[in-house]
PDB file of N, CA and C in Angstrom:
ATOM      1  N   UNK A   1       0.309 -12.320 -16.108  1.00  0.00           N
ATOM      2  CA  UNK A   1      -0.320 -11.446 -16.084  1.00  0.00           C
ATOM      3  C   UNK A   1      -0.252  -9.986 -15.410  1.00  0.00           C
ATOM      4  N   UNK A   2      -0.516  -8.994 -16.332  1.00  0.00           N
ATOM      5  CA  UNK A   2      -0.266  -7.578 -15.554  1.00  0.00           C
ATOM      6  C   UNK A   2      -1.036  -6.898 -15.145  1.00  0.00           C
ATOM      7  N   UNK A   3      -0.736  -6.681 -13.862  1.00  0.00           N
ATOM      8  CA  UNK A   3      -1.884  -5.907 -12.757  1.00  0.00           C
ATOM      9  C   UNK A   3      -1.576  -4.231 -12.839  1.00  0.00           C
ATOM     10  N   UNK A   4      -2.457  -3.520 -13.298  1.00  0.00           N
ATOM     11  CA  UNK A   4      -2.420  -2.266 -13.200  1.00  0.00           C
ATOM     12  C   UNK A   4      -2.482  -1.712 -12.004  1.00  0.00           C
ATOM     13  N   UNK A   5      -1.275  -0.570 -11.819  1.00  0.00           N
ATOM     14  CA  UNK A   5      -0.649  -0.050 -10.697  1.00  0.00           C
ATOM     15  C   UNK A   5      -2.169   0.777  -9.774  1.00  0.00           C
ATOM     16  N   UNK A   6      -3.225   0.737 -10.507  1.00  0.00           N
ATOM     17  CA  UNK A   6      -4.308   1.900 -10.258  1.00  0.00           C
ATOM     18  C   UNK A   6      -5.293   0.582  -9.715  1.00  0.00           C
ATOM     19  N   UNK A   7      -5.242  -0.024  -9.610  1.00  0.00           N
ATOM     20  CA  UNK A   7      -6.026  -1.149  -9.371  1.00  0.00           C
ATOM     21  C   UNK A   7      -6.962  -0.967  -7.881  1.00  0.00           C
ATOM     22  N   UNK A   8      -5.607  -0.588  -6.770  1.00  0.00           N
ATOM     23  CA  UNK A   8      -6.459  -0.402  -5.692  1.00  0.00           C
ATOM     24  C   UNK A   8      -6.560   1.041  -5.291  1.00  0.00           C
ATOM     25  N   UNK A   9      -5.576   1.937  -5.706  1.00  0.00           N
ATOM     26  CA  UNK A   9      -5.766   3.178  -5.377  1.00  0.00           C
ATOM     27  C   UNK A   9      -5.410   3.941  -6.438  1.00  0.00           C
ATOM     28  N   UNK A  10      -5.695   5.016  -7.011  1.00  0.00           N
ATOM     29  CA  UNK A  10      -5.126   5.664  -7.705  1.00  0.00           C
ATOM     30  C   UNK A  10      -4.078   6.872  -7.292  1.00  0.00           C
ATOM     31  N   UNK A  11      -3.632   7.343  -6.180  1.00  0.00           N
ATOM     32  CA  UNK A  11      -2.824   8.097  -6.360  1.00  0.00           C
ATOM     33  C   UNK A  11      -1.547   7.157  -5.615  1.00  0.00           C
ATOM     34  N   UNK A  12      -1.073   6.097  -5.963  1.00  0.00           N
ATOM     35  CA  UNK A  12      -0.156   5.234  -5.453  1.00  0.00           C
ATOM     36  C   UNK A  12       1.485   5.743  -6.160  1.00  0.00           C
ATOM     37  N   UNK A  13       1.883   6.269  -5.740  1.00  0.00           N
ATOM     38  CA  UNK A  13       3.230   6.930  -6.421  1.00  0.00           C
ATOM     39  C   UNK A  13       3.947   5.702  -7.064  1.00  0.00           C
ATOM     40  N   UNK A  14       4.739   5.814  -8.053  1.00  0.00           N
ATOM     41  CA  UNK A  14       5.698   4.717  -8.243  1.00  0.00           C
ATOM     42  C   UNK A  14       7.036   4.822  -7.621  1.00  0.00           C
ATOM     43  N   UNK A  15       7.633   3.508  -7.029  1.00  0.00           N
ATOM     44  CA  UNK A  15       8.408   3.142  -6.067  1.00  0.00           C
ATOM     45  C   UNK A  15       9.158   2.231  -6.363  1.00  0.00           C
ATOM     46  N   UNK A  16      10.078   2.150  -6.201  1.00  0.00           N
ATOM     47  CA  UNK A  16      10.936   0.718  -6.518  1.00  0.00           C
ATOM     48  C   UNK A  16      10.393  -0.187  -5.231  1.00  0.00           C
ATOM     49  N   UNK A  17      10.548   0.355  -4.022  1.00  0.00           N
ATOM     50  CA  UNK A  17       9.873  -0.344  -3.173  1.00  0.00           C
ATOM     51  C   UNK A  17       9.096  -1.639  -3.200  1.00  0.00           C
ATOM     52  N   UNK A  18       7.603  -0.831  -4.501  1.00  0.00           N
ATOM     53  CA  UNK A  18       6.582  -1.568  -4.972  1.00  0.00           C
ATOM     54  C   UNK A  18       6.890  -2.370  -6.320  1.00  0.00           C
ATOM     55  N   UNK A  19       7.765  -2.407  -7.034  1.00  0.00           N
ATOM     56  CA  UNK A  19       8.145  -2.762  -8.147  1.00  0.00           C
ATOM     57  C   UNK A  19       8.086  -4.187  -8.390  1.00  0.00           C
ATOM     58  N   UNK A  20       7.906  -4.823  -9.270  1.00  0.00           N
ATOM     59  CA  UNK A  20       8.221  -5.951  -9.722  1.00  0.00           C
ATOM     60  C   UNK A  20       9.318  -6.410 -10.189  1.00  0.00           C
ATOM     61  N   UNK A  21      10.370  -5.754 -10.340  1.00  0.00           N
ATOM     62  CA  UNK A  21      11.103  -6.061 -11.162  1.00  0.00           C
ATOM     63  C   UNK A  21      12.559  -5.346 -10.012  1.00  0.00           C
ATOM     64  N   UNK A  22      11.906  -5.432  -8.914  1.00  0.00           N
ATOM     65  CA  UNK A  22      13.321  -5.190  -7.808  1.00  0.00           C
ATOM     66  C   UNK A  22      13.207  -5.845  -6.676  1.00  0.00           C
ATOM     67  N   UNK A  23      14.491  -5.961  -6.219  1.00  0.00           N
ATOM     68  CA  UNK A  23      14.145  -7.052  -4.964  1.00  0.00           C
ATOM     69  C   UNK A  23      14.798  -6.312  -3.437  1.00  0.00           C
ATOM     70  N   UNK A  24      14.139  -6.048  -2.592  1.00  0.00           N
ATOM     71  CA  UNK A  24      15.095  -5.574  -1.245  1.00  0.00           C
ATOM     72  C   UNK A  24      16.359  -6.048  -1.162  1.00  0.00           C
ATOM     73  N   UNK A  25      16.946  -5.068  -0.309  1.00  0.00           N
ATOM     74  CA  UNK A  25      18.456  -5.735   0.251  1.00  0.00           C
ATOM     75  C   UNK A  25      18.574  -5.029   1.346  1.00  0.00           C
ATOM     76  N   UNK A  26      17.941  -3.943   1.800  1.00  0.00           N
ATOM     77  CA  UNK A  26      18.020  -3.585   3.261  1.00  0.00           C
ATOM     78  C   UNK A  26      16.846  -2.513   3.381  1.00  0.00           C
ATOM     79  N   UNK A  27      16.940  -1.997   4.503  1.00  0.00           N
ATOM     80  CA  UNK A  27      15.725  -1.122   4.700  1.00  0.00           C
ATOM     81  C   UNK A  27      16.141   0.055   3.996  1.00  0.00           C
ATOM     82  N   UNK A  28      16.987   0.538   3.138  1.00  0.00           N
ATOM     83  CA  UNK A  28      17.058   1.910   2.354  1.00  0.00           C
ATOM     84  C   UNK A  28      17.141   1.494   0.794  1.00  0.00           C
ATOM     85  N   UNK A  29      17.604   0.241   0.615  1.00  0.00           N
ATOM     86  CA  UNK A  29      17.962   0.174  -0.724  1.00  0.00           C
ATOM     87  C   UNK A  29      17.396  -1.485  -1.106  1.00  0.00           C
ATOM     88  N   UNK A  30      17.397  -1.350  -3.018  1.00  0.00           N
ATOM     89  CA  UNK A  30      16.912  -2.210  -3.286  1.00  0.00           C
ATOM     90  C   UNK A  30      17.926  -2.621  -4.970  1.00  0.00           C
ATOM     91  N   UNK A  31      17.885  -3.918  -5.041  1.00  0.00           N
ATOM     92  CA  UNK A  31      18.245  -4.299  -6.424  1.00  0.00           C
ATOM     93  C   UNK A  31      17.482  -4.677  -7.603  1.00  0.00           C
ATOM     94  N   UNK A  32      17.825  -3.168  -8.232  1.00  0.00           N
ATOM     95  CA  UNK A  32      16.587  -3.269  -9.500  1.00  0.00           C
ATOM     96  C   UNK A  32      17.169  -3.823 -10.958  1.00  0.00           C
ATOM     97  N   UNK A  33      16.507  -4.830 -12.020  1.00  0.00           N
ATOM     98  CA  UNK A  33      16.985  -5.255 -12.883  1.00  0.00           C
ATOM     99  C   UNK A  33      17.344  -4.482 -13.624  1.00  0.00           C
ATOM    100  N   UNK A  34      16.758  -3.274 -14.030  1.00  0.00           N
ATOM    101  CA  UNK A  34      16.954  -2.240 -14.758  1.00  0.00           C
ATOM    102  C   UNK A  34      17.989  -1.221 -14.421  1.00  0.00           C
ATOM    103  N   UNK A  35      18.090  -0.650 -13.109  1.00  0.00           N
ATOM    104  CA  UNK A  35      19.076   0.300 -12.636  1.00  0.00           C
ATOM    105  C   UNK A  35      20.238   0.104 -11.578  1.00  0.00           C
ATOM    106  N   UNK A  36      20.072  -1.362 -11.554  1.00  0.00           N
ATOM    107  CA  UNK A  36      21.127  -1.789 -10.315  1.00  0.00           C
ATOM    108  C   UNK A  36      20.310  -1.739  -8.857  1.00  0.00           C
ATOM    109  N   UNK A  37      21.363  -1.319  -8.316  1.00  0.00           N
ATOM    110  CA  UNK A  37      21.106  -0.536  -6.481  1.00  0.00           C
ATOM    111  C   UNK A  37      20.705   0.903  -6.590  1.00  0.00           C
ATOM    112  N   UNK A  38      19.636   0.667  -5.871  1.00  0.00           N
ATOM    113  CA  UNK A  38      18.728   2.145  -5.812  1.00  0.00           C
ATOM    114  C   UNK A  38      18.170   2.063  -4.481  1.00  0.00           C
ATOM    115  N   UNK A  39      17.837   3.611  -4.260  1.00  0.00           N
ATOM    116  CA  UNK A  39      17.375   3.782  -2.857  1.00  0.00           C
ATOM    117  C   UNK A  39      15.939   2.950  -3.047  1.00  0.00           C
ATOM    118  N   UNK A  40      15.124   2.910  -2.270  1.00  0.00           N
ATOM    119  CA  UNK A  40      13.716   2.294  -2.199  1.00  0.00           C
ATOM    120  C   UNK A  40      12.535   3.376  -2.920  1.00  0.00           C
ATOM    121  N   UNK A  41      12.955   4.768  -2.583  1.00  0.00           N
ATOM    122  CA  UNK A  41      11.731   6.206  -2.993  1.00  0.00           C
ATOM    123  C   UNK A  41      12.335   5.908  -4.484  1.00  0.00           C
ATOM    124  N   UNK A  42      13.248   5.554  -5.108  1.00  0.00           N
ATOM    125  CA  UNK A  42      13.717   5.945  -6.191  1.00  0.00           C
ATOM    126  C   UNK A  42      12.421   5.486  -7.682  1.00  0.00           C
ATOM    127  N   UNK A  43      11.993   5.205  -8.400  1.00  0.00           N
ATOM    128  CA  UNK A  43      11.456   5.080  -9.380  1.00  0.00           C
ATOM    129  C   UNK A  43      11.732   5.504 -11.147  1.00  0.00           C
ATOM    130  N   UNK A  44      11.607   4.398 -12.069  1.00  0.00           N
ATOM    131  CA  UNK A  44      11.720   4.679 -13.448  1.00  0.00           C
ATOM    132  C   UNK A  44      10.656   4.688 -14.243  1.00  0.00           C
ATOM    133  N   UNK A  45      11.000   4.249 -15.698  1.00  0.00           N
ATOM    134  CA  UNK A  45       9.927   4.366 -16.299  1.00  0.00           C
ATOM    135  C   UNK A  45       9.770   2.471 -16.522  1.00  0.00           C
ATOM    136  N   UNK A  46      10.468   2.234 -16.137  1.00  0.00           N
ATOM    137  CA  UNK A  46      10.312   0.572 -16.445  1.00  0.00           C
ATOM    138  C   UNK A  46       9.421   0.115 -15.114  1.00  0.00           C
ATOM    139  N   UNK A  47       9.023   0.975 -14.274  1.00  0.00           N
ATOM    140  CA  UNK A  47       8.099   0.875 -12.807  1.00  0.00           C
ATOM    141  C   UNK A  47       6.752  -0.462 -13.475  1.00  0.00           C
ATOM    142  N   UNK A  48       6.592  -1.676 -12.377  1.00  0.00           N
ATOM    143  CA  UNK A  48       5.612  -2.371 -12.489  1.00  0.00           C
ATOM    144  C   UNK A  48       5.056  -2.602 -11.441  1.00  0.00           C
ATOM    145  N   UNK A  49       3.674  -2.153 -11.262  1.00  0.00           N
ATOM    146  CA  UNK A  49       3.491  -2.407  -9.824  1.00  0.00           C
ATOM    147  C   UNK A  49       2.913  -3.593  -9.334  1.00  0.00           C
ATOM    148  N   UNK A  50       3.717  -4.395  -8.151  1.00  0.00           N
ATOM    149  CA  UNK A  50       3.245  -5.415  -7.479  1.00  0.00           C
ATOM    150  C   UNK A  50       2.676  -5.077  -6.531  1.00  0.00           C
ATOM    151  N   UNK A  51       1.466  -5.495  -6.355  1.00  0.00           N
ATOM    152  CA  UNK A  51       0.486  -5.042  -4.914  1.00  0.00           C
ATOM    153  C   UNK A  51       0.889  -5.837  -3.911  1.00  0.00           C
ATOM    154  N   UNK A  52       1.365  -6.759  -3.974  1.00  0.00           N
ATOM    155  CA  UNK A  52       1.916  -7.968  -2.799  1.00  0.00           C
ATOM    156  C   UNK A  52       3.160  -7.442  -1.984  1.00  0.00           C
ATOM    157  N   UNK A  53       3.267  -6.303  -2.737  1.00  0.00           N
ATOM    158  CA  UNK A  53       5.206  -5.825  -2.070  1.00  0.00           C
ATOM    159  C   UNK A  53       4.216  -4.264  -1.354  1.00  0.00           C
ATOM    160  N   UNK A  54       3.608  -4.128  -1.091  1.00  0.00           N
ATOM    161  CA  UNK A  54       3.076  -3.010  -0.610  1.00  0.00           C
ATOM    162  C   UNK A  54       2.513  -3.581   0.671  1.00  0.00           C
ATOM    163  N   UNK A  55       2.947  -2.839   1.634  1.00  0.00           N
ATOM    164  CA  UNK A  55       2.217  -2.971   3.324  1.00  0.00           C
ATOM    165  C   UNK A  55       1.159  -1.558   3.417  1.00  0.00           C
ATOM    166  N   UNK A  56       0.022  -2.217   3.669  1.00  0.00           N
ATOM    167  CA  UNK A  56      -1.134  -1.186   4.176  1.00  0.00           C
ATOM    168  C   UNK A  56      -0.777  -0.094   4.964  1.00  0.00           C
ATOM    169  N   UNK A  57      -1.243   0.716   5.092  1.00  0.00           N
ATOM    170  CA  UNK A  57      -1.463   1.389   6.207  1.00  0.00           C
ATOM    171  C   UNK A  57      -1.749   0.834   7.467  1.00  0.00           C
ATOM    172  N   UNK A  58      -1.788   1.302   8.614  1.00  0.00           N
ATOM    173  CA  UNK A  58      -2.157   0.632  10.183  1.00  0.00           C
ATOM    174  C   UNK A  58      -3.586   1.180  10.078  1.00  0.00           C
ATOM    175  N   UNK A  59      -4.624   0.202  10.910  1.00  0.00           N
ATOM    176  CA  UNK A  59      -6.040   0.724  10.385  1.00  0.00           C
ATOM    177  C   UNK A  59      -6.256   1.785  11.688  1.00  0.00           C
ATOM    178  N   UNK A  60      -7.082   2.930  11.832  1.00  0.00           N
ATOM    179  CA  UNK A  60      -7.487   3.882  12.504  1.00  0.00           C
ATOM    180  C   UNK A  60      -7.930   3.412  13.840  1.00  0.00           C
ATOM    181  N   UNK A  61      -7.446   4.007  14.835  1.00  0.00           N
ATOM    182  CA  UNK A  61      -7.962   3.757  16.056  1.00  0.00           C
ATOM    183  C   UNK A  61      -8.853   4.295  16.692  1.00  0.00           C
ATOM    184  N   UNK A  62     -10.148   3.418  17.030  1.00  0.00           N
ATOM    185  CA  UNK A  62     -11.390   4.196  17.525  1.00  0.00           C
ATOM    186  C   UNK A  62     -11.316   4.398  18.879  1.00  0.00           C
ATOM    187  N   UNK A  63     -11.483   6.029  19.079  1.00  0.00           N
ATOM    188  CA  UNK A  63     -11.421   6.412  20.413  1.00  0.00           C
ATOM    189  C   UNK A  63     -12.805   6.488  21.341  1.00  0.00           C
ATOM    190  N   UNK A  64     -12.584   6.652  22.330  1.00  0.00           N
ATOM    191  CA  UNK A  64     -13.896   6.410  23.036  1.00  0.00           C
ATOM    192  C   UNK A  64     -14.491   4.817  23.485  1.00  0.00           C
ATOM    193  N   UNK A  65     -15.637   4.919  24.057  1.00  0.00           N
ATOM    194  CA  UNK A  65     -16.504   3.672  24.139  1.00  0.00           C
ATOM    195  C   UNK A  65     -17.525   3.831  23.871  1.00  0.00           C
ATOM    196  N   UNK A  66     -18.160   2.531  23.506  1.00  0.00           N
ATOM    197  CA  UNK A  66     -19.783   2.626  22.672  1.00  0.00           C
ATOM    198  C   UNK A  66     -20.009   1.364  22.991  1.00  0.00           C
ATOM    199  N   UNK A  67     -21.186   1.435  22.852  1.00  0.00           N
ATOM    200  CA  UNK A  67     -22.314   0.384  23.670  1.00  0.00           C
ATOM    201  C   UNK A  67     -22.779  -0.688  22.464  1.00  0.00           C
ATOM    202  N   UNK A  68     -23.462  -1.883  22.643  1.00  0.00           N
ATOM    203  CA  UNK A  68     -23.709  -2.424  21.481  1.00  0.00           C
ATOM    204  C   UNK A  68     -24.971  -1.453  20.743  1.00  0.00           C
ATOM    205  N   UNK A  69     -25.887  -0.620  21.400  1.00  0.00           N
ATOM    206  CA  UNK A  69     -26.745  -0.151  20.934  1.00  0.00           C
ATOM    207  C   UNK A  69     -26.570   1.076  20.303  1.00  0.00           C
ATOM    208  N   UNK A  70     -25.125   1.539  20.585  1.00  0.00           N
ATOM    209  CA  UNK A  70     -24.713   2.367  19.125  1.00  0.00           C
ATOM    210  C   UNK A  70     -24.443   2.214  18.112  1.00  0.00           C
ATOM    211  N   UNK A  71     -24.759   0.229  17.475  1.00  0.00           N
ATOM    212  CA  UNK A  71     -24.268  -0.065  16.393  1.00  0.00           C
ATOM    213  C   UNK A  71     -25.565  -0.609  16.059  1.00  0.00           C
ATOM    214  N   UNK A  72     -26.955  -0.310  16.515  1.00  0.00           N
ATOM    215  CA  UNK A  72     -27.861  -1.108  16.331  1.00  0.00           C
ATOM    216  C   UNK A  72     -28.667  -0.242  15.011  1.00  0.00           C
ATOM    217  N   UNK A  73     -29.721  -0.866  14.182  1.00  0.00           N
ATOM    218  CA  UNK A  73     -30.157   0.237  13.261  1.00  0.00           C
ATOM    219  C   UNK A  73     -31.555   0.514  13.496  1.00  0.00           C
ATOM    220  N   UNK A  74     -32.421  -0.071  14.690  1.00  0.00           N
ATOM    221  CA  UNK A  74     -33.579  -0.174  14.895  1.00  0.00           C
ATOM    222  C   UNK A  74     -34.125   1.518  15.657  1.00  0.00           C
ATOM    223  N   UNK A  75     -35.003   1.847  14.881  1.00  0.00           N
ATOM    224  CA  UNK A  75     -35.106   3.224  15.208  1.00  0.00           C
ATOM    225  C   UNK A  75     -35.809   3.456  16.978  1.00  0.00           C
ATOM    226  N   UNK A  76     -35.569   4.264  17.339  1.00  0.00           N
ATOM    227  CA  UNK A  76     -36.134   4.485  19.172  1.00  0.00           C
ATOM    228  C   UNK A  76     -37.176   4.960  19.217  1.00  0.00           C
ATOM    229  N   UNK A  77     -37.975   4.180  20.355  1.00  0.00           N
ATOM    230  CA  UNK A  77     -39.391   3.628  20.082  1.00  0.00           C
ATOM    231  C   UNK A  77     -40.084   5.359  20.633  1.00  0.00           C
ATOM    232  N   UNK A  78     -40.998   5.886  20.291  1.00  0.00           N
ATOM    233  CA  UNK A  78     -41.582   7.524  20.835  1.00  0.00           C
ATOM    234  C   UNK A  78     -42.543   7.377  21.573  1.00  0.00           C
TER     235      UNK A  78
END
């Protein structure tokens, strides 16, 4: 089964770190089946996106204080 690299977002840059053909070696290099040992940021024409290798960004922090009334859908009575 081939997974389209645009399945989740259209602006994902090809990087060996997310490639199905690469195996992480350390914090800065991966072992590619096509090119050998390359930096994690490297990409080649044989790139095949693997969404399970991608670490999503951290969720945004909600700043401020909110109450339950802030999240209700009821209209205020006049």
